[in-house]
Protein backbone atom coordinates (compact mmCIF):
# COMPACT_ATOMS: atom_id res chain seq x y z
CA MET A 1 -50.48 23.42 -4.89
CA TYR A 2 -47.07 23.21 -6.45
CA LEU A 3 -44.65 20.36 -6.79
CA GLY A 4 -40.92 21.05 -7.11
CA ILE A 5 -38.53 18.36 -8.23
CA ASP A 6 -34.66 18.70 -8.29
CA LEU A 7 -33.04 15.80 -10.04
CA GLY A 8 -29.32 16.10 -9.48
CA THR A 9 -26.40 13.87 -10.26
CA SER A 10 -26.18 12.46 -6.72
CA GLY A 11 -29.77 12.80 -5.40
CA VAL A 12 -33.34 13.78 -5.88
CA LYS A 13 -35.18 16.44 -3.74
CA VAL A 14 -38.94 17.04 -3.83
CA ILE A 15 -41.11 19.72 -2.16
CA ILE A 16 -44.80 20.45 -2.14
CA LEU A 17 -46.10 24.03 -1.56
CA ASP A 18 -49.62 25.24 -1.05
CA ASP A 19 -51.15 28.18 -2.93
CA SER A 20 -49.68 30.55 -0.24
CA ASP A 21 -46.16 29.17 -0.82
CA CYS A 22 -46.18 27.43 2.55
CA LEU A 23 -44.21 24.16 2.71
CA ILE A 24 -46.46 21.14 2.97
CA ALA A 25 -43.94 18.37 2.55
CA GLN A 26 -40.33 17.73 1.54
CA ALA A 27 -38.30 14.63 0.88
CA SER A 28 -34.90 13.68 -0.58
CA SER A 29 -33.08 10.56 -1.54
CA ALA A 30 -29.54 9.80 -2.68
CA LEU A 31 -28.98 8.20 -6.07
CA ASP A 32 -26.52 5.40 -6.69
CA VAL A 33 -24.43 6.54 -9.58
CA SER A 34 -22.63 3.97 -11.71
CA ARG A 35 -20.88 4.56 -14.96
CA ARG A 36 -19.73 2.06 -17.47
CA ALA A 37 -16.62 2.57 -19.53
CA ILE A 38 -17.37 2.80 -23.22
CA VAL A 39 -14.62 1.76 -25.54
CA VAL A 40 -14.78 2.68 -29.16
CA ARG A 41 -12.32 1.20 -31.59
CA ALA A 42 -11.83 2.40 -35.07
CA LYS A 43 -10.51 0.14 -37.82
CA PRO A 44 -7.37 1.64 -39.50
């Protein structure tokens, strides 16, 4: 059996294949993406 995982920026996909490369199961889920603003201040 093989497990394939695709972790992208907006979602995750997973598949399971048997030894003959036949699809056993697949699933996907969206990811909530949140980004924080980072402020860097340098002293003169």
